[in-house]
Amino acid sequence: MKYFFLVICTCSILISCNKKKTIESVNTNNSKDSLTYQPKVPGSKWTYQRSLNGVIHSTYNVTRLDYDSTINGKAYRVFNSEVEGHQYFRQDGNKYYIVLTAAANMTETNLIDADKNIGDTWVGAVNGTDTYEYTMVDKIPVYNLDGFTFKNVLKIHSKRKDQNNNVTLEGDTWYAQGVGQILSTGTIVGQSVEIKVITVDLK
């Protein structure tokens, strides 16, 4: 699911030399969330593979828990990531928000706006001296990844800028309708990072 900035920030330098995997299974199970870019039925589970400089680093699971939480007066669906711990998500129409859990005031950021046109840019959040900026790079009706076909995929470029407008973190994330985050690529400290979905099991 997602959450490119949060996951990238925790990448360590330890690398295993395992062979890169391809997608094993995508079971949408006729989920009632087939039109959303972040399915939220409790029990739904995503497995991601994280690679650093083209070498697999680890795999981890993200699971939708069976309860919600209120933060700063807003209700969020709660997910658990084996990398990041609890993550908080909400949808408002075609806009999708997460909480920057590392921020002292639990800042909300608008990481997806499905109504934006290709080339449109928006500010998702301002957290202290950092600005989170997003651009709709592409809207892809049919997208193939490892032989699996995903429909209505949004490719969004994200940047974190400091107070001097320097880019401190950036990358691209692909979100598939009815599935969620399927791929993220970016750089951190001069190293390339890829996060790719391996299995999806929606409820």
N, C-alpha and C. Protein backbone atom coordinates (compact mmCIF):
# COMPACT_ATOMS: atom_id res chain seq x y z
N MET A 1 0.73 -1.20 0.00
CA MET A 1 0.00 0.00 0.00
C MET A 1 0.77 1.25 0.00
N LYS A 2 1.11 0.52 0.35
CA LYS A 2 1.48 1.49 0.18
C LYS A 2 2.19 2.59 0.35
N TYR A 3 2.68 3.17 0.67
CA TYR A 3 3.02 4.39 1.39
C TYR A 3 4.49 4.66 1.20
N PHE A 4 4.77 5.13 0.02
CA PHE A 4 6.15 5.20 -0.47
C PHE A 4 7.08 5.94 0.47
N PHE A 5 6.74 7.16 0.89
CA PHE A 5 7.65 7.94 1.71
C PHE A 5 7.93 7.25 3.04
N LEU A 6 6.89 6.70 3.65
CA LEU A 6 7.08 6.08 4.96
C LEU A 6 7.95 4.84 4.86
N VAL A 7 7.75 4.03 3.84
CA VAL A 7 8.51 2.80 3.71
C VAL A 7 9.95 3.08 3.33
N ILE A 8 10.17 3.99 2.39
CA ILE A 8 11.52 4.30 1.93
C ILE A 8 12.39 4.83 3.07
N CYS A 9 11.80 5.63 3.94
CA CYS A 9 12.58 6.24 5.01
C CYS A 9 13.19 5.21 5.95
N THR A 10 12.66 4.01 6.00
CA THR A 10 13.15 3.01 6.94
C THR A 10 14.08 1.99 6.31
N CYS A 11 14.40 2.17 5.03
CA CYS A 11 15.27 1.19 4.36
C CYS A 11 16.64 1.17 5.02
N SER A 12 17.10 0.00 5.39
CA SER A 12 18.43 -0.13 5.96
C SER A 12 19.42 -0.50 4.88
N ILE A 13 20.68 -0.57 5.22
CA ILE A 13 21.71 -0.84 4.25
C ILE A 13 22.02 -2.33 4.14
N LEU A 14 21.51 -3.14 5.08
CA LEU A 14 21.76 -4.58 5.02
C LEU A 14 21.01 -5.19 3.86
N ILE A 15 21.69 -5.95 3.03
CA ILE A 15 21.09 -6.52 1.83
C ILE A 15 21.33 -8.01 1.81
N SER A 16 20.30 -8.76 1.48
CA SER A 16 20.49 -10.18 1.23
C SER A 16 20.62 -10.38 -0.26
N CYS A 17 21.18 -11.50 -0.66
CA CYS A 17 21.45 -11.74 -2.07
C CYS A 17 20.46 -12.73 -2.68
N ASN A 18 19.20 -12.61 -2.31
CA ASN A 18 18.20 -13.50 -2.85
C ASN A 18 17.83 -13.10 -4.27
N LYS A 19 17.36 -14.05 -5.03
CA LYS A 19 16.90 -13.78 -6.38
C LYS A 19 15.59 -13.01 -6.32
N LYS A 20 15.44 -12.02 -7.19
CA LYS A 20 14.23 -11.21 -7.20
C LYS A 20 13.02 -12.07 -7.58
N LYS A 21 11.93 -11.84 -6.86
CA LYS A 21 10.71 -12.58 -7.11
C LYS A 21 9.83 -11.84 -8.11
N THR A 22 8.90 -12.57 -8.68
CA THR A 22 7.86 -11.95 -9.48
C THR A 22 6.54 -12.12 -8.73
N ILE A 23 5.50 -11.44 -9.20
CA ILE A 23 4.21 -11.52 -8.55
C ILE A 23 3.72 -12.96 -8.54
N GLU A 24 3.29 -13.42 -7.39
CA GLU A 24 2.85 -14.81 -7.23
C GLU A 24 1.34 -14.96 -7.41
N SER A 25 0.56 -14.06 -6.82
CA SER A 25 -0.89 -14.18 -6.93
C SER A 25 -1.56 -12.85 -6.61
N VAL A 26 -2.67 -12.60 -7.29
CA VAL A 26 -3.50 -11.43 -7.03
C VAL A 26 -4.94 -11.92 -6.94
N ASN A 27 -5.43 -12.06 -5.72
CA ASN A 27 -6.78 -12.56 -5.49
C ASN A 27 -7.66 -11.42 -5.00
N THR A 28 -8.45 -10.87 -5.93
CA THR A 28 -9.34 -9.78 -5.53
C THR A 28 -10.66 -10.30 -4.97
N ASN A 29 -10.98 -11.55 -5.25
CA ASN A 29 -12.14 -12.22 -4.63
C ASN A 29 -13.44 -11.44 -4.75
N ASN A 30 -13.60 -10.72 -5.87
CA ASN A 30 -14.81 -9.91 -6.09
C ASN A 30 -15.08 -8.98 -4.90
N SER A 31 -14.00 -8.41 -4.38
CA SER A 31 -14.12 -7.51 -3.23
C SER A 31 -15.07 -6.36 -3.54
N LYS A 32 -15.80 -5.93 -2.53
CA LYS A 32 -16.70 -4.80 -2.71
C LYS A 32 -15.93 -3.50 -2.91
N ASP A 33 -14.62 -3.52 -2.71
CA ASP A 33 -13.78 -2.34 -2.90
C ASP A 33 -13.14 -2.32 -4.29
N SER A 34 -13.80 -2.87 -5.28
CA SER A 34 -13.20 -3.01 -6.60
C SER A 34 -12.97 -1.68 -7.32
N LEU A 35 -13.60 -0.60 -6.86
CA LEU A 35 -13.46 0.69 -7.53
C LEU A 35 -12.55 1.66 -6.78
N THR A 36 -12.03 1.24 -5.66
CA THR A 36 -11.20 2.14 -4.86
C THR A 36 -9.72 1.90 -5.13
N TYR A 37 -8.91 2.90 -4.82
CA TYR A 37 -7.46 2.75 -4.97
C TYR A 37 -6.80 2.33 -3.65
N GLN A 38 -7.61 2.09 -2.63
CA GLN A 38 -7.10 1.50 -1.40
C GLN A 38 -8.17 0.63 -0.76
N PRO A 39 -8.24 -0.65 -1.13
CA PRO A 39 -9.22 -1.54 -0.50
C PRO A 39 -9.07 -1.53 1.02
N LYS A 40 -10.18 -1.66 1.71
CA LYS A 40 -10.17 -1.47 3.16
C LYS A 40 -11.00 -2.48 3.94
N VAL A 41 -11.38 -3.58 3.33
CA VAL A 41 -12.14 -4.60 4.06
C VAL A 41 -11.20 -5.30 5.05
N PRO A 42 -11.58 -5.40 6.32
CA PRO A 42 -10.73 -6.06 7.32
C PRO A 42 -10.30 -7.46 6.88
N GLY A 43 -9.04 -7.77 7.16
CA GLY A 43 -8.47 -9.06 6.80
C GLY A 43 -7.76 -9.07 5.47
N SER A 44 -7.95 -8.05 4.64
CA SER A 44 -7.24 -7.97 3.36
C SER A 44 -5.74 -7.85 3.63
N LYS A 45 -4.95 -8.49 2.76
CA LYS A 45 -3.51 -8.58 3.02
C LYS A 45 -2.71 -8.41 1.73
N TRP A 46 -1.64 -7.64 1.83
CA TRP A 46 -0.72 -7.40 0.72
C TRP A 46 0.69 -7.80 1.17
N THR A 47 1.43 -8.47 0.30
CA THR A 47 2.84 -8.78 0.57
C THR A 47 3.69 -8.02 -0.44
N TYR A 48 4.70 -7.33 0.07
CA TYR A 48 5.57 -6.53 -0.77
C TYR A 48 7.02 -7.03 -0.69
N GLN A 49 7.72 -6.86 -1.79
CA GLN A 49 9.16 -7.15 -1.86
C GLN A 49 9.90 -5.81 -1.95
N ARG A 50 10.91 -5.65 -1.14
CA ARG A 50 11.70 -4.42 -1.12
C ARG A 50 13.10 -4.72 -1.61
N SER A 51 13.55 -3.98 -2.62
CA SER A 51 14.89 -4.19 -3.20
C SER A 51 15.69 -2.91 -3.12
N LEU A 52 16.98 -3.05 -2.95
CA LEU A 52 17.91 -1.92 -2.89
C LEU A 52 18.99 -2.13 -3.93
N ASN A 53 19.11 -1.16 -4.84
CA ASN A 53 20.08 -1.24 -5.93
C ASN A 53 19.93 -2.54 -6.73
N GLY A 54 18.68 -2.95 -6.94
CA GLY A 54 18.40 -4.12 -7.77
C GLY A 54 18.54 -5.45 -7.07
N VAL A 55 18.86 -5.45 -5.78
CA VAL A 55 19.03 -6.69 -5.03
C VAL A 55 17.95 -6.76 -3.95
N ILE A 56 17.27 -7.90 -3.89
CA ILE A 56 16.18 -8.03 -2.94
C ILE A 56 16.70 -7.87 -1.51
N HIS A 57 15.95 -7.11 -0.74
CA HIS A 57 16.32 -6.83 0.65
C HIS A 57 15.45 -7.62 1.62
N SER A 58 14.14 -7.60 1.39
CA SER A 58 13.22 -8.29 2.29
C SER A 58 11.83 -8.32 1.69
N THR A 59 10.96 -9.10 2.32
CA THR A 59 9.53 -9.05 2.01
C THR A 59 8.80 -8.77 3.31
N TYR A 60 7.63 -8.14 3.20
CA TYR A 60 6.86 -7.82 4.39
C TYR A 60 5.38 -7.76 4.04
N ASN A 61 4.54 -7.90 5.05
CA ASN A 61 3.09 -7.92 4.86
C ASN A 61 2.45 -6.65 5.39
N VAL A 62 1.37 -6.25 4.73
CA VAL A 62 0.51 -5.17 5.20
C VAL A 62 -0.90 -5.74 5.30
N THR A 63 -1.55 -5.59 6.44
CA THR A 63 -2.86 -6.19 6.69
C THR A 63 -3.84 -5.13 7.18
N ARG A 64 -5.03 -5.15 6.63
CA ARG A 64 -6.09 -4.27 7.12
C ARG A 64 -6.65 -4.86 8.41
N LEU A 65 -6.59 -4.09 9.49
CA LEU A 65 -7.08 -4.55 10.78
C LEU A 65 -8.60 -4.35 10.86
N ASP A 66 -9.19 -4.88 11.92
CA ASP A 66 -10.65 -4.89 12.01
C ASP A 66 -11.20 -3.74 12.85
N TYR A 67 -10.47 -2.62 12.90
CA TYR A 67 -10.98 -1.46 13.62
C TYR A 67 -10.46 -0.18 12.97
N ASP A 68 -11.08 0.93 13.33
CA ASP A 68 -10.70 2.24 12.84
C ASP A 68 -10.16 3.07 13.99
N SER A 69 -9.62 4.24 13.68
CA SER A 69 -9.07 5.10 14.71
C SER A 69 -9.35 6.56 14.35
N THR A 70 -9.48 7.41 15.36
CA THR A 70 -9.70 8.84 15.15
C THR A 70 -8.43 9.61 15.49
N ILE A 71 -7.98 10.42 14.52
CA ILE A 71 -6.78 11.24 14.71
C ILE A 71 -7.12 12.65 14.27
N ASN A 72 -6.84 13.61 15.12
CA ASN A 72 -7.13 15.02 14.83
C ASN A 72 -8.57 15.22 14.36
N GLY A 73 -9.49 14.46 14.97
CA GLY A 73 -10.90 14.62 14.68
C GLY A 73 -11.41 13.92 13.43
N LYS A 74 -10.54 13.13 12.77
CA LYS A 74 -10.94 12.44 11.55
C LYS A 74 -10.80 10.94 11.72
N ALA A 75 -11.70 10.19 11.10
CA ALA A 75 -11.71 8.73 11.22
C ALA A 75 -10.83 8.11 10.13
N TYR A 76 -9.98 7.17 10.54
CA TYR A 76 -9.05 6.50 9.63
C TYR A 76 -9.20 4.99 9.74
N ARG A 77 -9.06 4.32 8.61
CA ARG A 77 -8.93 2.86 8.59
C ARG A 77 -7.52 2.53 9.07
N VAL A 78 -7.38 1.48 9.84
CA VAL A 78 -6.08 1.13 10.40
C VAL A 78 -5.52 -0.11 9.69
N PHE A 79 -4.27 -0.02 9.26
CA PHE A 79 -3.54 -1.11 8.64
C PHE A 79 -2.30 -1.38 9.48
N ASN A 80 -1.82 -2.61 9.43
CA ASN A 80 -0.56 -2.91 10.10
C ASN A 80 0.48 -3.34 9.08
N SER A 81 1.62 -2.66 9.11
CA SER A 81 2.74 -3.01 8.25
C SER A 81 3.83 -3.62 9.10
N GLU A 82 4.40 -4.73 8.64
CA GLU A 82 5.49 -5.36 9.38
C GLU A 82 6.74 -4.50 9.36
N VAL A 83 6.76 -3.49 8.52
CA VAL A 83 7.91 -2.57 8.46
C VAL A 83 7.64 -1.32 9.28
N GLU A 84 6.44 -0.74 9.11
CA GLU A 84 6.15 0.56 9.70
C GLU A 84 5.25 0.54 10.92
N GLY A 85 4.71 -0.61 11.26
CA GLY A 85 3.72 -0.63 12.34
C GLY A 85 2.38 -0.15 11.81
N HIS A 86 1.59 0.47 12.67
CA HIS A 86 0.25 0.89 12.27
C HIS A 86 0.31 2.06 11.29
N GLN A 87 -0.55 1.98 10.27
CA GLN A 87 -0.70 3.06 9.29
C GLN A 87 -2.16 3.45 9.25
N TYR A 88 -2.42 4.73 8.97
CA TYR A 88 -3.77 5.27 9.06
C TYR A 88 -4.17 5.90 7.72
N PHE A 89 -5.32 5.48 7.22
CA PHE A 89 -5.75 5.85 5.89
C PHE A 89 -7.21 6.28 5.89
N ARG A 90 -7.54 7.27 5.09
CA ARG A 90 -8.94 7.61 4.89
C ARG A 90 -9.16 8.04 3.44
N GLN A 91 -10.38 7.87 2.99
CA GLN A 91 -10.78 8.24 1.64
C GLN A 91 -11.90 9.25 1.73
N ASP A 92 -11.79 10.31 0.93
CA ASP A 92 -12.83 11.33 0.85
C ASP A 92 -13.12 11.55 -0.63
N GLY A 93 -14.16 10.89 -1.14
CA GLY A 93 -14.41 10.94 -2.57
C GLY A 93 -13.29 10.25 -3.32
N ASN A 94 -12.66 10.96 -4.24
CA ASN A 94 -11.54 10.41 -5.00
C ASN A 94 -10.19 10.86 -4.47
N LYS A 95 -10.19 11.40 -3.26
CA LYS A 95 -8.94 11.78 -2.61
C LYS A 95 -8.62 10.77 -1.51
N TYR A 96 -7.33 10.44 -1.40
CA TYR A 96 -6.87 9.43 -0.44
C TYR A 96 -5.78 10.04 0.44
N TYR A 97 -5.92 9.82 1.74
CA TYR A 97 -5.03 10.45 2.71
C TYR A 97 -4.38 9.40 3.61
N ILE A 98 -3.15 9.66 4.00
CA ILE A 98 -2.50 8.89 5.06
C ILE A 98 -1.97 9.85 6.11
N VAL A 99 -1.61 9.30 7.24
CA VAL A 99 -1.04 10.09 8.33
C VAL A 99 0.46 9.85 8.37
N LEU A 100 1.23 10.94 8.43
CA LEU A 100 2.67 10.83 8.61
C LEU A 100 2.92 10.53 10.08
N THR A 101 3.02 9.26 10.42
CA THR A 101 3.09 8.87 11.83
C THR A 101 4.36 9.35 12.52
N ALA A 102 5.39 9.65 11.74
CA ALA A 102 6.63 10.14 12.34
C ALA A 102 6.52 11.61 12.74
N ALA A 103 5.51 12.30 12.23
CA ALA A 103 5.33 13.72 12.55
C ALA A 103 4.74 13.87 13.95
N ALA A 104 5.24 14.85 14.69
CA ALA A 104 4.79 15.05 16.06
C ALA A 104 3.29 15.32 16.14
N ASN A 105 2.75 16.03 15.14
CA ASN A 105 1.33 16.37 15.16
C ASN A 105 0.50 15.44 14.27
N MET A 106 1.11 14.29 13.85
CA MET A 106 0.40 13.30 13.03
C MET A 106 -0.21 13.96 11.79
N THR A 107 0.62 14.64 11.03
CA THR A 107 0.19 15.38 9.85
C THR A 107 -0.44 14.46 8.81
N GLU A 108 -1.54 14.91 8.24
CA GLU A 108 -2.21 14.17 7.17
C GLU A 108 -1.68 14.64 5.82
N THR A 109 -1.49 13.68 4.89
CA THR A 109 -1.07 14.05 3.54
C THR A 109 -1.99 13.42 2.50
N ASN A 110 -2.31 14.19 1.48
CA ASN A 110 -3.16 13.74 0.38
C ASN A 110 -2.27 13.16 -0.71
N LEU A 111 -2.04 11.83 -0.65
CA LEU A 111 -1.09 11.23 -1.58
C LEU A 111 -1.70 10.82 -2.90
N ILE A 112 -3.04 10.66 -2.99
CA ILE A 112 -3.70 10.34 -4.24
C ILE A 112 -4.89 11.28 -4.43
N ASP A 113 -4.99 11.84 -5.63
CA ASP A 113 -6.17 12.59 -6.03
C ASP A 113 -6.54 12.09 -7.42
N ALA A 114 -7.45 11.13 -7.47
CA ALA A 114 -7.77 10.46 -8.73
C ALA A 114 -8.47 11.39 -9.73
N ASP A 115 -8.94 12.54 -9.28
CA ASP A 115 -9.61 13.48 -10.18
C ASP A 115 -8.62 14.36 -10.94
N LYS A 116 -7.37 14.37 -10.53
CA LYS A 116 -6.38 15.21 -11.21
C LYS A 116 -6.13 14.71 -12.63
N ASN A 117 -5.83 15.65 -13.51
CA ASN A 117 -5.46 15.31 -14.87
C ASN A 117 -3.97 15.02 -14.96
N ILE A 118 -3.57 14.34 -16.02
CA ILE A 118 -2.14 14.08 -16.24
C ILE A 118 -1.39 15.41 -16.31
N GLY A 119 -0.32 15.52 -15.54
CA GLY A 119 0.47 16.74 -15.49
C GLY A 119 0.12 17.66 -14.33
N ASP A 120 -1.03 17.43 -13.68
CA ASP A 120 -1.43 18.26 -12.54
C ASP A 120 -0.56 17.95 -11.32
N THR A 121 -0.23 19.00 -10.56
CA THR A 121 0.56 18.87 -9.33
C THR A 121 -0.22 19.46 -8.17
N TRP A 122 -0.11 18.83 -7.00
CA TRP A 122 -0.78 19.36 -5.82
C TRP A 122 0.12 19.18 -4.60
N VAL A 123 -0.09 20.03 -3.61
CA VAL A 123 0.62 19.91 -2.33
C VAL A 123 -0.21 19.02 -1.43
N GLY A 124 0.38 17.90 -1.04
CA GLY A 124 -0.34 16.96 -0.20
C GLY A 124 -0.32 17.33 1.26
N ALA A 125 0.80 17.94 1.69
CA ALA A 125 0.92 18.32 3.09
C ALA A 125 2.13 19.22 3.28
N VAL A 126 2.10 19.98 4.36
CA VAL A 126 3.26 20.72 4.84
C VAL A 126 3.49 20.28 6.26
N ASN A 127 4.65 19.74 6.52
CA ASN A 127 4.98 19.23 7.85
C ASN A 127 6.26 19.91 8.32
N GLY A 128 6.12 20.85 9.22
CA GLY A 128 7.28 21.62 9.65
C GLY A 128 7.84 22.41 8.48
N THR A 129 9.10 22.16 8.13
CA THR A 129 9.72 22.85 6.99
C THR A 129 9.67 22.01 5.73
N ASP A 130 9.06 20.85 5.79
CA ASP A 130 8.98 19.96 4.63
C ASP A 130 7.64 20.11 3.91
N THR A 131 7.70 20.09 2.59
CA THR A 131 6.50 20.12 1.75
C THR A 131 6.43 18.83 0.95
N TYR A 132 5.28 18.19 0.97
CA TYR A 132 5.06 16.95 0.22
C TYR A 132 4.25 17.29 -1.04
N GLU A 133 4.86 17.08 -2.19
CA GLU A 133 4.27 17.48 -3.47
C GLU A 133 4.05 16.25 -4.35
N TYR A 134 2.91 16.21 -5.04
CA TYR A 134 2.56 15.07 -5.87
C TYR A 134 2.16 15.53 -7.27
N THR A 135 2.49 14.71 -8.27
CA THR A 135 2.13 15.00 -9.65
C THR A 135 1.53 13.76 -10.30
N MET A 136 0.40 13.95 -10.99
CA MET A 136 -0.21 12.86 -11.73
C MET A 136 0.57 12.67 -13.03
N VAL A 137 1.37 11.63 -13.09
CA VAL A 137 2.24 11.39 -14.24
C VAL A 137 1.47 10.71 -15.37
N ASP A 138 0.63 9.74 -15.04
CA ASP A 138 -0.08 8.99 -16.09
C ASP A 138 -1.31 8.31 -15.50
N LYS A 139 -2.28 8.07 -16.38
CA LYS A 139 -3.45 7.27 -16.06
C LYS A 139 -3.48 6.16 -17.10
N ILE A 140 -3.27 4.92 -16.65
CA ILE A 140 -3.03 3.80 -17.56
C ILE A 140 -4.22 2.84 -17.51
N PRO A 141 -4.99 2.72 -18.59
CA PRO A 141 -6.17 1.83 -18.56
C PRO A 141 -5.83 0.38 -18.29
N VAL A 142 -4.73 -0.11 -18.89
CA VAL A 142 -4.29 -1.50 -18.70
C VAL A 142 -2.78 -1.48 -18.48
N TYR A 143 -2.35 -2.02 -17.35
CA TYR A 143 -0.93 -2.00 -16.99
C TYR A 143 -0.48 -3.42 -16.67
N ASN A 144 0.62 -3.85 -17.29
CA ASN A 144 1.13 -5.20 -17.08
C ASN A 144 2.38 -5.16 -16.20
N LEU A 145 2.35 -5.97 -15.15
CA LEU A 145 3.49 -6.08 -14.24
C LEU A 145 3.71 -7.56 -13.93
N ASP A 146 4.85 -8.08 -14.33
CA ASP A 146 5.19 -9.49 -14.10
C ASP A 146 4.14 -10.44 -14.67
N GLY A 147 3.53 -10.05 -15.79
CA GLY A 147 2.54 -10.91 -16.41
C GLY A 147 1.14 -10.76 -15.87
N PHE A 148 0.96 -9.96 -14.82
CA PHE A 148 -0.36 -9.70 -14.28
C PHE A 148 -0.90 -8.39 -14.86
N THR A 149 -2.16 -8.40 -15.19
CA THR A 149 -2.80 -7.22 -15.76
C THR A 149 -3.59 -6.47 -14.70
N PHE A 150 -3.27 -5.20 -14.54
CA PHE A 150 -3.99 -4.33 -13.61
C PHE A 150 -4.71 -3.26 -14.41
N LYS A 151 -5.89 -2.86 -13.95
CA LYS A 151 -6.70 -1.90 -14.68
C LYS A 151 -6.75 -0.55 -13.98
N ASN A 152 -6.87 0.49 -14.79
CA ASN A 152 -7.04 1.87 -14.30
C ASN A 152 -5.96 2.21 -13.27
N VAL A 153 -4.73 2.17 -13.73
CA VAL A 153 -3.58 2.41 -12.86
C VAL A 153 -3.18 3.89 -12.90
N LEU A 154 -2.96 4.46 -11.72
CA LEU A 154 -2.47 5.83 -11.59
C LEU A 154 -0.98 5.79 -11.28
N LYS A 155 -0.20 6.55 -12.05
CA LYS A 155 1.23 6.70 -11.75
C LYS A 155 1.42 8.11 -11.19
N ILE A 156 1.89 8.17 -9.94
CA ILE A 156 2.02 9.45 -9.25
C ILE A 156 3.47 9.65 -8.81
N HIS A 157 4.03 10.82 -9.16
CA HIS A 157 5.38 11.18 -8.75
C HIS A 157 5.29 11.99 -7.46
N SER A 158 6.09 11.64 -6.48
CA SER A 158 6.07 12.33 -5.19
C SER A 158 7.44 12.92 -4.87
N LYS A 159 7.39 14.08 -4.23
CA LYS A 159 8.62 14.77 -3.80
C LYS A 159 8.45 15.29 -2.39
N ARG A 160 9.52 15.23 -1.63
CA ARG A 160 9.57 15.95 -0.36
C ARG A 160 10.61 17.03 -0.49
N LYS A 161 10.22 18.28 -0.23
CA LYS A 161 11.12 19.42 -0.37
C LYS A 161 11.35 20.07 0.98
N ASP A 162 12.57 20.56 1.19
CA ASP A 162 12.87 21.26 2.44
C ASP A 162 12.56 22.74 2.30
N GLN A 163 12.87 23.50 3.33
CA GLN A 163 12.52 24.93 3.35
C GLN A 163 13.24 25.73 2.27
N ASN A 164 14.33 25.19 1.73
CA ASN A 164 15.06 25.85 0.66
C ASN A 164 14.66 25.34 -0.72
N ASN A 165 13.56 24.57 -0.76
CA ASN A 165 13.03 24.00 -2.00
C ASN A 165 13.92 22.92 -2.59
N ASN A 166 14.83 22.38 -1.77
CA ASN A 166 15.65 21.26 -2.22
C ASN A 166 14.85 19.96 -2.08
N VAL A 167 14.95 19.09 -3.08
CA VAL A 167 14.26 17.81 -3.03
C VAL A 167 15.08 16.84 -2.18
N THR A 168 14.50 16.36 -1.10
CA THR A 168 15.22 15.46 -0.19
C THR A 168 14.80 14.00 -0.38
N LEU A 169 13.68 13.77 -1.07
CA LEU A 169 13.20 12.41 -1.31
C LEU A 169 12.22 12.47 -2.47
N GLU A 170 12.32 11.50 -3.40
CA GLU A 170 11.35 11.49 -4.49
C GLU A 170 11.25 10.10 -5.11
N GLY A 171 10.14 9.88 -5.79
CA GLY A 171 9.94 8.59 -6.44
C GLY A 171 8.60 8.53 -7.14
N ASP A 172 8.33 7.40 -7.78
CA ASP A 172 7.07 7.16 -8.48
C ASP A 172 6.36 5.98 -7.84
N THR A 173 5.03 6.07 -7.77
CA THR A 173 4.22 4.97 -7.25
C THR A 173 3.07 4.71 -8.20
N TRP A 174 2.80 3.43 -8.43
CA TRP A 174 1.70 2.99 -9.27
C TRP A 174 0.60 2.41 -8.38
N TYR A 175 -0.63 2.91 -8.53
CA TYR A 175 -1.78 2.44 -7.77
C TYR A 175 -2.80 1.85 -8.74
N ALA A 176 -3.21 0.61 -8.50
CA ALA A 176 -4.18 -0.04 -9.36
C ALA A 176 -5.56 0.00 -8.71
N GLN A 177 -6.57 0.34 -9.49
CA GLN A 177 -7.94 0.37 -8.98
C GLN A 177 -8.35 -1.02 -8.52
N GLY A 178 -8.90 -1.09 -7.34
CA GLY A 178 -9.34 -2.36 -6.78
C GLY A 178 -8.25 -3.17 -6.13
N VAL A 179 -6.99 -2.69 -6.17
CA VAL A 179 -5.87 -3.43 -5.59
C VAL A 179 -5.08 -2.57 -4.62
N GLY A 180 -4.77 -1.32 -5.01
CA GLY A 180 -3.94 -0.45 -4.19
C GLY A 180 -2.55 -0.30 -4.78
N GLN A 181 -1.58 -0.03 -3.93
CA GLN A 181 -0.21 0.18 -4.38
C GLN A 181 0.37 -1.13 -4.93
N ILE A 182 0.88 -1.07 -6.16
CA ILE A 182 1.48 -2.27 -6.74
C ILE A 182 2.97 -2.11 -6.97
N LEU A 183 3.46 -0.88 -7.07
CA LEU A 183 4.88 -0.67 -7.35
C LEU A 183 5.28 0.73 -6.93
N SER A 184 6.49 0.85 -6.35
CA SER A 184 7.09 2.14 -6.05
C SER A 184 8.57 2.08 -6.40
N THR A 185 9.08 3.13 -7.00
CA THR A 185 10.52 3.22 -7.28
C THR A 185 11.00 4.61 -6.87
N GLY A 186 12.23 4.69 -6.41
CA GLY A 186 12.76 5.98 -6.02
C GLY A 186 14.20 5.89 -5.62
N THR A 187 14.71 6.98 -5.06
CA THR A 187 16.10 7.03 -4.60
C THR A 187 16.16 7.57 -3.18
N ILE A 188 17.11 7.05 -2.43
CA ILE A 188 17.38 7.56 -1.09
C ILE A 188 18.88 7.44 -0.85
N VAL A 189 19.46 8.55 -0.46
CA VAL A 189 20.90 8.63 -0.21
C VAL A 189 21.67 8.05 -1.41
N GLY A 190 21.23 8.40 -2.60
CA GLY A 190 21.93 7.99 -3.80
C GLY A 190 21.74 6.54 -4.21
N GLN A 191 20.86 5.83 -3.53
CA GLN A 191 20.63 4.42 -3.85
C GLN A 191 19.20 4.23 -4.37
N SER A 192 19.05 3.32 -5.33
CA SER A 192 17.73 3.08 -5.90
C SER A 192 16.97 2.06 -5.04
N VAL A 193 15.70 2.33 -4.87
CA VAL A 193 14.84 1.48 -4.05
C VAL A 193 13.61 1.11 -4.86
N GLU A 194 13.20 -0.15 -4.78
CA GLU A 194 11.97 -0.61 -5.43
C GLU A 194 11.13 -1.38 -4.43
N ILE A 195 9.84 -1.09 -4.41
CA ILE A 195 8.89 -1.83 -3.58
C ILE A 195 7.82 -2.34 -4.52
N LYS A 196 7.65 -3.67 -4.59
CA LYS A 196 6.72 -4.27 -5.55
C LYS A 196 5.82 -5.28 -4.83
N VAL A 197 4.56 -5.27 -5.22
CA VAL A 197 3.63 -6.23 -4.63
C VAL A 197 3.97 -7.63 -5.11
N ILE A 198 3.87 -8.61 -4.21
CA ILE A 198 4.13 -10.01 -4.54
C ILE A 198 2.84 -10.83 -4.49
N THR A 199 2.06 -10.61 -3.44
CA THR A 199 0.75 -11.27 -3.36
C THR A 199 -0.29 -10.29 -2.84
N VAL A 200 -1.51 -10.49 -3.28
CA VAL A 200 -2.65 -9.72 -2.81
C VAL A 200 -3.76 -10.69 -2.49
N ASP A 201 -4.38 -10.55 -1.32
CA ASP A 201 -5.52 -11.38 -0.94
C ASP A 201 -6.56 -10.48 -0.30
N LEU A 202 -7.54 -10.06 -1.11
CA LEU A 202 -8.56 -9.14 -0.63
C LEU A 202 -9.78 -9.89 -0.11
N LYS A 203 -10.44 -9.28 0.82
CA LYS A 203 -11.65 -9.86 1.41
C LYS A 203 -12.89 -9.17 0.86
